Amino acid sequence: MTDAVLEFPLKEKVRNYLRVEQLLRLMRSSARSQDPQLQFVFFEQLFVLLDLVERLDLRTDILKDLDVHEKSLVYWSQHPKIDSDALDQALKHLLAVRADLKSSTRFGIDLKDDKFLSGIRQRFAIPGGACAFDLPNLHYWLNLPADKRQHDFAGWLNSLKLLEDAVSLNMSFIRERGSFSRKTAENGFYQGAAEDKNELIRIKYQGDNNIYPTFSGNKYRYAIRFMRFVSDGDQSSATDADTPFSMAVC
């Protein structure tokens, strides 16, 4: 059996963290590709990410969360059975990331000022606007030697390293709050109540039985409905079978 994990945010800031994670993951994956055509994905996701960070105050949210995580680590340091070395490493990493954030400028500002990127960004907002006749400079770049392209990718990704580290650190603390426990969705349906401190629901389910979970709710109550997957164009329908799964409330 293949287990799949689906994550559902209960708060808007966590929704934004997950989006940043996904965009950065796609950027790194496409940057590693040896096919210049697949490297288009890097630029598409980069410009979506820049749009996201420009309209959100991610830095403030992250700093607030890091302060909360620091207090939690200090609290756990007083527990007699805690792994002191692991806790000290986690605390040092947190303090280093927070210090870098406080001394940094707005996320993505270096990329916004990059003349090559700024020269092609607007065309990516137009469907099909990145053709060779629209962006001959980009298509020239895509035919440069691979080592030159990888050098440029590394520089652009490095400009987002602090954002990536900060979001990854925050999400690791959030995910570690909850442990998976077995549940059953009777007739394919499960509902529960969330506490104010809960920010993320993680659902682990069998990914090869043609059933997937959907989620609705907010930071107070939530409902999970398992649906049958169809790929022939018909609309998915809810399953009425009792469905086992695992859930972590973080």
Protein backbone atom coordinates (compact mmCIF):
# COMPACT_ATOMS: atom_id res chain seq x y z
CA MET A 1 0.00 0.00 0.00
CA THR A 2 1.18 3.52 -0.78
CA ASP A 3 0.56 6.18 1.87
CA ALA A 4 -0.08 9.75 0.79
CA VAL A 5 -0.15 12.78 3.09
CA LEU A 6 -2.41 15.74 2.47
CA GLU A 7 -2.14 18.91 4.55
CA PHE A 8 -4.96 21.37 5.24
CA PRO A 9 -4.20 24.75 6.86
CA LEU A 10 -6.53 26.09 9.51
CA LYS A 11 -5.09 29.61 9.42
CA GLU A 12 -4.33 31.92 6.54
CA LYS A 13 -0.65 32.40 7.42
CA VAL A 14 -0.09 28.62 7.29
CA ARG A 15 -1.86 28.54 3.93
CA ASN A 16 0.68 31.10 2.71
CA TYR A 17 3.60 29.12 4.15
CA LEU A 18 2.45 26.02 2.29
CA ARG A 19 2.14 27.96 -0.95
CA VAL A 20 5.69 29.30 -0.56
CA GLU A 21 6.95 25.77 0.13
CA GLN A 22 5.26 24.42 -2.98
CA LEU A 23 6.53 27.19 -5.24
CA LEU A 24 10.11 26.84 -4.00
CA ARG A 25 9.95 23.06 -4.40
CA LEU A 26 8.84 23.43 -8.03
CA MET A 27 11.54 26.02 -8.66
CA ARG A 28 14.31 23.77 -7.34
CA SER A 29 12.99 20.78 -9.26
CA SER A 30 12.79 22.64 -12.57
CA ALA A 31 16.19 24.27 -12.04
CA ARG A 32 17.76 20.80 -11.76
CA SER A 33 16.27 19.74 -15.09
CA GLN A 34 18.67 19.39 -18.01
CA ASP A 35 15.91 20.25 -20.49
CA PRO A 36 15.82 24.00 -21.23
CA GLN A 37 12.12 23.80 -22.07
CA LEU A 38 11.29 22.38 -18.64
CA GLN A 39 13.24 25.22 -17.07
CA PHE A 40 10.40 27.53 -18.12
CA VAL A 41 8.64 26.25 -15.02
CA PHE A 42 11.28 27.91 -12.85
CA PHE A 43 10.42 31.36 -14.16
CA GLU A 44 6.67 30.77 -14.00
CA GLN A 45 6.85 29.75 -10.33
CA LEU A 46 9.38 32.44 -9.48
CA PHE A 47 7.14 35.23 -10.70
CA VAL A 48 4.13 33.76 -8.89
CA LEU A 49 6.24 33.65 -5.72
CA LEU A 50 7.35 37.26 -6.15
CA ASP A 51 3.73 38.33 -6.60
CA LEU A 52 2.87 36.48 -3.39
CA VAL A 53 5.63 37.93 -1.22
CA GLU A 54 5.00 41.44 -2.52
CA ARG A 55 1.38 41.48 -1.35
CA LEU A 56 1.86 39.65 1.96
CA ASP A 57 3.71 40.59 5.12
CA LEU A 58 5.32 37.18 5.48
CA ARG A 59 8.30 38.54 7.38
CA THR A 60 6.16 39.79 10.27
CA ASP A 61 4.20 36.52 10.50
CA ILE A 62 7.38 34.46 10.47
CA LEU A 63 9.07 36.55 13.17
CA LYS A 64 6.03 36.27 15.42
CA ASP A 65 5.97 32.52 14.97
CA LEU A 66 9.69 32.18 15.68
CA ASP A 67 9.22 34.05 18.95
CA VAL A 68 6.52 31.55 19.94
CA HIS A 69 8.71 28.60 18.98
CA GLU A 70 11.61 30.01 21.00
CA LYS A 71 9.43 30.16 24.11
CA SER A 72 8.37 26.57 23.51
CA LEU A 73 11.98 25.42 23.25
CA VAL A 74 12.91 27.25 26.45
CA TYR A 75 9.97 25.59 28.19
CA TRP A 76 10.95 22.12 26.98
CA SER A 77 14.57 22.69 28.02
CA GLN A 78 13.41 22.35 31.62
CA HIS A 79 12.08 18.82 31.02
CA PRO A 80 14.45 16.26 32.61
CA LYS A 81 14.17 13.74 29.75
CA ILE A 82 14.67 16.15 26.88
CA ASP A 83 17.54 15.65 24.41
CA SER A 84 19.56 18.73 25.38
CA ASP A 85 21.93 18.56 22.42
CA ALA A 86 19.10 18.38 19.87
CA LEU A 87 17.22 21.17 21.63
CA ASP A 88 20.32 23.40 21.74
CA GLN A 89 20.88 22.86 18.00
CA ALA A 90 17.26 23.69 17.24
CA LEU A 91 17.43 26.83 19.39
CA LYS A 92 20.68 28.00 17.78
CA HIS A 93 19.21 27.48 14.31
CA LEU A 94 16.06 29.39 15.26
CA LEU A 95 18.01 32.31 16.74
CA ALA A 96 20.27 32.49 13.69
CA VAL A 97 17.34 32.57 11.26
CA ARG A 98 15.55 35.18 13.35
CA ALA A 99 18.65 37.40 13.51
CA ASP A 100 19.07 37.15 9.73
CA LEU A 101 15.41 38.06 9.24
CA LYS A 102 15.64 41.12 11.46
CA SER A 103 18.65 42.43 9.56
CA SER A 104 17.30 41.59 6.10
CA THR A 105 15.36 43.61 3.58
CA ARG A 106 12.01 42.59 2.09
CA PHE A 107 11.92 39.10 0.60
CA GLY A 108 12.72 39.00 -3.11
CA ILE A 109 13.90 42.61 -3.38
CA ASP A 110 17.15 41.56 -5.11
CA LEU A 111 15.20 39.58 -7.70
CA LYS A 112 12.82 42.46 -8.27
CA ASP A 113 15.82 44.63 -9.15
CA ASP A 114 17.37 42.01 -11.43
CA LYS A 115 17.29 43.54 -14.92
CA PHE A 116 17.04 40.24 -16.78
CA LEU A 117 14.16 38.99 -14.62
CA SER A 118 12.34 42.31 -14.61
CA GLY A 119 12.63 42.41 -18.39
CA ILE A 120 10.79 39.12 -18.87
CA ARG A 121 8.41 39.07 -15.88
CA GLN A 122 5.57 41.04 -17.44
CA ARG A 123 5.29 38.70 -20.43
CA PHE A 124 4.70 35.70 -18.16
CA ALA A 125 1.45 37.29 -17.01
CA ILE A 126 0.12 36.92 -20.56
CA PRO A 127 -1.11 33.44 -21.62
CA GLY A 128 1.46 32.15 -24.10
CA GLY A 129 3.42 35.36 -23.72
CA ALA A 130 6.81 33.69 -23.31
CA CYS A 131 7.23 32.60 -26.93
CA ALA A 132 10.53 33.22 -28.67
CA PHE A 133 9.15 36.17 -30.64
CA ASP A 134 7.99 37.75 -27.35
CA LEU A 135 11.10 37.05 -25.29
CA PRO A 136 14.10 36.47 -27.57
CA ASN A 137 16.44 37.30 -24.67
CA LEU A 138 14.99 34.48 -22.54
CA HIS A 139 15.24 31.98 -25.37
CA TYR A 140 18.83 33.04 -25.95
CA TRP A 141 19.49 32.42 -22.24
CA LEU A 142 17.85 28.98 -22.42
CA ASN A 143 20.38 27.99 -25.08
CA LEU A 144 23.41 29.06 -23.07
CA PRO A 145 25.70 26.32 -21.73
CA ALA A 146 24.18 24.36 -18.86
CA ASP A 147 26.83 25.46 -16.36
CA LYS A 148 26.04 29.13 -17.05
CA ARG A 149 22.32 28.51 -16.53
CA GLN A 150 22.97 26.55 -13.33
CA HIS A 151 25.12 29.40 -12.05
CA ASP A 152 22.27 31.85 -12.61
CA PHE A 153 19.73 29.50 -11.03
CA ALA A 154 21.93 29.15 -7.97
CA GLY A 155 22.17 32.92 -7.59
CA TRP A 156 18.43 33.45 -7.87
CA LEU A 157 17.63 30.64 -5.45
CA ASN A 158 20.24 31.94 -3.02
CA SER A 159 18.37 35.26 -2.94
CA LEU A 160 15.38 33.32 -1.58
CA LYS A 161 17.37 31.09 0.80
CA LEU A 162 16.41 33.05 3.90
CA LEU A 163 12.71 32.88 2.99
CA GLU A 164 13.04 29.15 2.33
CA ASP A 165 14.87 28.50 5.61
CA ALA A 166 12.43 30.58 7.67
CA VAL A 167 9.31 28.98 6.22
CA SER A 168 10.81 25.50 6.43
CA LEU A 169 11.75 26.05 10.08
CA ASN A 170 8.30 27.35 10.97
CA MET A 171 6.56 24.48 9.21
CA SER A 172 8.79 21.91 10.90
CA PHE A 173 7.77 23.24 14.32
CA ILE A 174 4.10 23.23 13.33
CA ARG A 175 4.20 19.70 11.91
CA GLU A 176 6.00 18.31 14.94
CA ARG A 177 3.20 19.45 17.25
CA GLY A 178 0.96 16.59 16.18
CA SER A 179 1.42 12.84 15.85
CA PHE A 180 -0.64 10.60 13.58
CA SER A 181 -3.42 8.52 15.11
CA ARG A 182 -5.77 6.09 13.40
CA LYS A 183 -9.28 7.26 12.54
CA THR A 184 -12.24 5.98 10.57
CA ALA A 185 -14.41 8.12 8.33
CA GLU A 186 -17.81 6.45 8.74
CA ASN A 187 -19.61 6.40 5.41
CA GLY A 188 -16.63 8.36 4.11
CA PHE A 189 -17.21 11.31 6.46
CA TYR A 190 -15.35 12.59 9.55
CA GLN A 191 -15.70 15.81 11.52
CA GLY A 192 -14.01 17.32 14.53
CA ALA A 193 -13.35 20.45 16.55
CA ALA A 194 -10.05 22.30 16.56
CA GLU A 195 -8.45 24.20 19.40
CA ASP A 196 -7.29 27.76 18.90
CA LYS A 197 -3.64 26.67 18.92
CA ASN A 198 -4.20 24.20 16.06
CA GLU A 199 -2.95 25.47 12.71
CA LEU A 200 -2.67 22.44 10.45
CA ILE A 201 -4.47 19.15 9.81
CA ARG A 202 -2.39 16.35 8.26
CA ILE A 203 -4.17 13.36 6.74
CA LYS A 204 -2.36 10.15 5.83
CA TYR A 205 -4.35 7.79 3.63
CA GLN A 206 -3.88 4.96 1.15
CA GLY A 207 -2.96 6.59 -2.11
CA ASP A 208 -3.69 3.62 -4.36
CA ASN A 209 -7.34 2.80 -3.61
CA ASN A 210 -8.94 5.44 -5.87
CA ILE A 211 -10.16 7.53 -2.90
CA TYR A 212 -8.89 10.92 -1.74
CA PRO A 213 -9.88 13.32 1.08
CA THR A 214 -11.39 16.77 0.78
CA PHE A 215 -11.48 19.25 3.61
CA SER A 216 -13.77 22.07 4.71
CA GLY A 217 -13.87 24.16 7.83
CA ASN A 218 -11.94 26.77 9.76
CA LYS A 219 -9.89 27.15 12.93
CA TYR A 220 -12.89 26.04 15.05
CA ARG A 221 -14.46 23.08 13.26
CA TYR A 222 -13.56 20.95 10.28
CA ALA A 223 -15.00 18.15 8.18
CA ILE A 224 -13.28 15.56 6.01
CA ARG A 225 -15.09 13.88 3.13
CA PHE A 226 -13.52 11.07 1.11
CA MET A 227 -14.23 11.18 -2.60
CA ARG A 228 -13.87 8.64 -5.37
CA PHE A 229 -11.37 9.72 -8.00
CA VAL A 230 -12.53 9.61 -11.62
CA SER A 231 -10.39 10.45 -14.62
CA ASP A 232 -12.90 10.05 -17.45
CA GLY A 233 -14.46 13.51 -17.12
CA ASP A 234 -17.32 12.56 -14.80
CA GLN A 235 -17.74 14.44 -11.56
CA SER A 236 -16.21 12.85 -8.46
CA SER A 237 -18.67 11.39 -6.00
CA ALA A 238 -18.43 10.87 -2.26
CA THR A 239 -17.78 7.35 -1.08
CA ASP A 240 -20.20 5.80 1.40
CA ALA A 241 -17.72 3.19 2.60
CA ASP A 242 -16.09 3.33 6.02
CA THR A 243 -12.61 4.65 5.25
CA PRO A 244 -9.60 4.21 7.56
CA PHE A 245 -7.00 6.96 7.68
CA SER A 246 -4.52 8.61 10.02
CA MET A 247 -4.69 12.20 11.18
CA ALA A 248 -2.39 14.60 12.98
CA VAL A 249 -3.76 17.83 14.42
CA CYS A 250 -0.87 20.29 14.66
